[in-house]
């Protein structure tokens, strides 16, 4: 398998975490395409978004959630996506909220990077920050525990917090002591978290 990546992408980080936890990382070649190559890979994903997993058996797979569930299906243990019932829906709802943090945080980075300052709309920026803050407050009130091993929702939340550290200066930590402790626990339970940290110069 081949995984099209970008070094600082939290969505790629989710996939890499799953691959390492499932023991599949040695079977996946990481490829960081340049801008010209991205255009060529639109045949694999017309949206031009990374990550994309290229497989021989099942073709190209894209969207980090879909890739993560695909990798989870390839190896029986540990189970990162519960099969059905209440546990699955609760897990997917937690993951969706963590992905919402990621999406808003990324949009704020793009706002500062690509839109001229005189064209920025503060109300829109504030709306994205509110999404992050309210979701963090809910996780802070009840950090999601795990039994045998972290699941996909925990992985997504860890990737989101890591991205807030990397691109937003870790400001979330001041008001989220429970989540700080939670992330420390996650990092201790999943050594791949440190191994997949984005490069400092990304």
Protein backbone atom coordinates (compact mmCIF):
# COMPACT_ATOMS: atom_id res chain seq x y z
CA UNK A 1 0.00 0.00 0.00
CA UNK A 2 1.00 3.60 -0.57
CA UNK A 3 -0.16 6.56 1.53
CA UNK A 4 -0.06 10.04 0.04
CA UNK A 5 0.85 12.32 2.91
CA UNK A 6 1.68 15.83 4.03
CA UNK A 7 4.02 16.06 7.00
CA UNK A 8 1.93 18.32 9.22
CA UNK A 9 -1.53 17.00 8.32
CA UNK A 10 -3.45 15.84 11.40
CA UNK A 11 -5.63 13.71 9.12
CA UNK A 12 -2.55 11.87 7.88
CA UNK A 13 -1.44 11.52 11.49
CA UNK A 14 -4.68 9.72 12.33
CA UNK A 15 -4.03 7.22 9.55
CA UNK A 16 -0.42 6.68 10.58
CA UNK A 17 -1.47 6.12 14.19
CA UNK A 18 -3.99 3.48 13.13
CA UNK A 19 -1.45 1.81 10.85
CA UNK A 20 1.10 1.57 13.65
CA UNK A 21 -1.43 0.36 16.21
CA UNK A 22 -2.58 -2.35 13.80
CA UNK A 23 0.97 -3.38 12.89
CA UNK A 24 0.51 -2.34 9.26
CA UNK A 25 2.98 0.53 9.04
CA UNK A 26 5.71 -1.64 7.51
CA UNK A 27 3.34 -2.47 4.65
CA UNK A 28 2.62 1.16 3.78
CA UNK A 29 4.97 3.35 1.78
CA UNK A 30 4.65 7.04 2.66
CA UNK A 31 4.71 9.41 -0.31
CA UNK A 32 4.74 13.20 0.06
CA UNK A 33 3.78 14.45 -3.42
CA UNK A 34 4.76 17.92 -4.61
CA UNK A 35 2.26 20.34 -6.15
CA UNK A 36 2.68 18.95 -9.66
CA UNK A 37 2.13 15.40 -8.45
CA UNK A 38 -0.97 16.43 -6.51
CA UNK A 39 -2.58 17.42 -9.80
CA UNK A 40 -1.83 13.96 -11.19
CA UNK A 41 -3.34 12.29 -8.14
CA UNK A 42 -6.69 14.00 -8.74
CA UNK A 43 -7.49 10.93 -10.80
CA UNK A 44 -7.40 9.01 -7.51
CA UNK A 45 -9.34 11.66 -5.56
CA UNK A 46 -10.94 14.46 -7.60
CA UNK A 47 -11.04 16.64 -4.47
CA UNK A 48 -7.24 16.69 -4.47
CA UNK A 49 -7.20 16.06 -0.73
CA UNK A 50 -4.67 14.12 1.31
CA UNK A 51 -4.48 11.47 2.67
CA UNK A 52 -5.15 8.95 -0.07
CA UNK A 53 -4.41 5.26 0.43
CA UNK A 54 -3.53 3.41 -2.77
CA UNK A 55 -4.20 -0.31 -2.51
CA UNK A 56 -3.69 -3.06 -5.07
CA UNK A 57 -6.77 -5.03 -4.02
CA UNK A 58 -9.35 -2.34 -3.34
CA UNK A 59 -8.17 0.64 -5.34
CA UNK A 60 -7.71 4.19 -4.04
CA UNK A 61 -9.33 5.01 -0.70
CA UNK A 62 -9.66 8.55 0.56
CA UNK A 63 -10.94 10.56 3.50
CA UNK A 64 -9.04 9.84 6.69
CA UNK A 65 -12.05 8.28 8.43
CA UNK A 66 -12.61 5.84 5.57
CA UNK A 67 -8.91 4.95 5.40
CA UNK A 68 -8.77 4.40 9.16
CA UNK A 69 -11.77 2.08 9.11
CA UNK A 70 -10.31 0.24 6.13
CA UNK A 71 -7.04 -0.37 7.96
CA UNK A 72 -8.91 -1.46 11.06
CA UNK A 73 -10.71 -4.08 8.96
CA UNK A 74 -7.42 -5.60 7.76
CA UNK A 75 -6.24 -6.86 11.17
CA UNK A 76 -8.45 -8.28 13.91
CA UNK A 77 -6.77 -6.74 16.95
CA UNK A 78 -6.84 -4.20 18.47
CA UNK A 79 -10.42 -3.30 17.56
CA UNK A 80 -10.56 0.44 16.88
CA UNK A 81 -14.06 0.59 15.35
CA UNK A 82 -16.76 -1.28 17.30
CA UNK A 83 -18.84 -3.37 14.91
CA UNK A 84 -22.36 -2.25 15.78
CA UNK A 85 -24.75 -1.11 18.45
CA UNK A 86 -24.58 1.77 20.90
CA UNK A 87 -20.81 1.57 21.38
CA UNK A 88 -20.23 2.21 17.68
CA UNK A 89 -22.56 5.20 17.46
CA UNK A 90 -21.16 6.77 20.60
CA UNK A 91 -17.62 6.28 19.35
CA UNK A 92 -18.40 7.76 15.92
CA UNK A 93 -20.13 10.76 17.53
CA UNK A 94 -17.05 11.44 19.68
CA UNK A 95 -14.84 11.10 16.62
CA UNK A 96 -17.04 13.49 14.65
CA UNK A 97 -16.72 16.13 17.35
CA UNK A 98 -12.94 15.70 17.45
CA UNK A 99 -12.84 15.96 13.65
CA UNK A 100 -14.87 19.16 13.97
CA UNK A 101 -12.11 20.59 16.16
CA UNK A 102 -9.59 19.61 13.49
CA UNK A 103 -11.65 21.11 10.67
CA UNK A 104 -12.12 24.44 12.45
CA UNK A 105 -8.46 24.62 13.50
CA UNK A 106 -7.34 23.96 9.93
CA UNK A 107 -9.69 26.60 8.55
CA UNK A 108 -8.19 29.14 10.94
CA UNK A 109 -4.70 28.26 9.71
CA UNK A 110 -5.83 28.63 6.09
CA UNK A 111 -7.50 31.95 6.91
CA UNK A 112 -4.22 33.36 8.17
CA UNK A 113 -2.15 31.80 5.42
CA UNK A 114 -4.18 32.43 2.28
CA UNK A 115 -6.57 35.35 2.86
CA UNK A 116 -5.18 38.91 2.88
CA UNK A 117 -5.63 40.50 6.29
CA UNK A 118 -7.86 43.27 4.96
CA UNK A 119 -10.30 40.64 3.60
CA UNK A 120 -10.67 38.61 6.79
CA UNK A 121 -14.05 38.52 8.50
CA UNK A 122 -13.62 38.49 12.25
CA UNK A 123 -17.10 37.08 12.84
CA UNK A 124 -16.18 34.04 10.73
CA UNK A 125 -12.89 33.60 12.61
CA UNK A 126 -14.73 33.86 15.92
CA UNK A 127 -17.25 31.25 14.78
CA UNK A 128 -14.49 28.72 14.06
CA UNK A 129 -12.81 29.43 17.39
CA UNK A 130 -16.13 28.97 19.19
CA UNK A 131 -16.51 25.53 17.61
CA UNK A 132 -13.11 24.57 18.97
CA UNK A 133 -13.71 26.03 22.42
CA UNK A 134 -17.15 24.51 22.96
CA UNK A 135 -16.08 21.06 21.78
CA UNK A 136 -13.00 21.20 24.01
CA UNK A 137 -15.18 22.22 26.95
CA UNK A 138 -17.38 19.15 26.47
CA UNK A 139 -14.37 16.84 26.27
CA UNK A 140 -12.81 18.59 29.26
CA UNK A 141 -15.92 17.94 31.35
CA UNK A 142 -15.77 14.22 30.60
CA UNK A 143 -12.55 13.05 28.92
CA UNK A 144 -13.35 9.83 27.02
CA UNK A 145 -11.95 6.76 28.78
CA UNK A 146 -11.02 3.45 27.17
CA UNK A 147 -10.84 -0.13 28.35
CA UNK A 148 -8.38 -2.44 26.60
CA UNK A 149 -7.08 0.13 24.14
CA UNK A 150 -7.91 3.56 22.71
CA UNK A 151 -10.37 3.48 19.82
CA UNK A 152 -10.72 5.62 16.69
CA UNK A 153 -12.40 8.47 18.56
CA UNK A 154 -9.53 8.67 21.04
CA UNK A 155 -7.02 8.66 18.19
CA UNK A 156 -8.91 11.48 16.47
CA UNK A 157 -9.06 13.56 19.64
CA UNK A 158 -5.34 13.05 20.26
CA UNK A 159 -4.58 14.15 16.69
CA UNK A 160 -6.77 17.23 17.17
CA UNK A 161 -5.06 18.23 20.42
CA UNK A 162 -1.68 17.64 18.83
CA UNK A 163 -2.63 19.93 15.96
CA UNK A 164 -3.74 22.63 18.38
CA UNK A 165 -0.31 22.32 20.00
CA UNK A 166 1.50 22.43 16.68
CA UNK A 167 -0.36 25.17 14.79
CA UNK A 168 -2.16 27.09 17.54
CA UNK A 169 0.54 27.37 20.19
CA UNK A 170 -1.07 25.00 22.69
CA UNK A 171 -3.39 27.74 23.99
CA UNK A 172 -6.07 25.11 24.65
CA UNK A 173 -4.03 23.75 27.57
CA UNK A 174 -4.65 26.72 29.88
CA UNK A 175 -8.36 25.92 30.28
CA UNK A 176 -8.24 22.15 29.84
CA UNK A 177 -6.22 20.50 32.64
CA UNK A 178 -8.23 17.27 32.39
CA UNK A 179 -7.54 17.02 28.68
CA UNK A 180 -3.85 17.74 29.23
CA UNK A 181 -3.72 14.76 31.62
CA UNK A 182 -5.78 12.72 29.16
CA UNK A 183 -3.35 13.43 26.31
CA UNK A 184 -0.40 12.48 28.51
CA UNK A 185 -2.13 9.18 29.28
CA UNK A 186 -2.84 8.61 25.59
CA UNK A 187 0.77 9.31 24.63
CA UNK A 188 1.97 6.83 27.25
CA UNK A 189 -0.46 4.15 26.04
CA UNK A 190 0.27 4.75 22.33
CA UNK A 191 4.01 5.23 21.66
CA UNK A 192 3.12 5.89 18.01
CA UNK A 193 1.78 9.29 19.08
CA UNK A 194 5.31 10.58 19.63
CA UNK A 195 6.56 8.74 16.54
CA UNK A 196 4.02 10.48 14.30
CA UNK A 197 4.54 14.02 15.61
CA UNK A 198 4.83 16.54 12.74
CA UNK A 199 8.34 17.72 11.91
CA UNK A 200 9.18 21.07 13.58
CA UNK A 201 9.77 22.83 10.26
CA UNK A 202 6.58 21.60 8.54
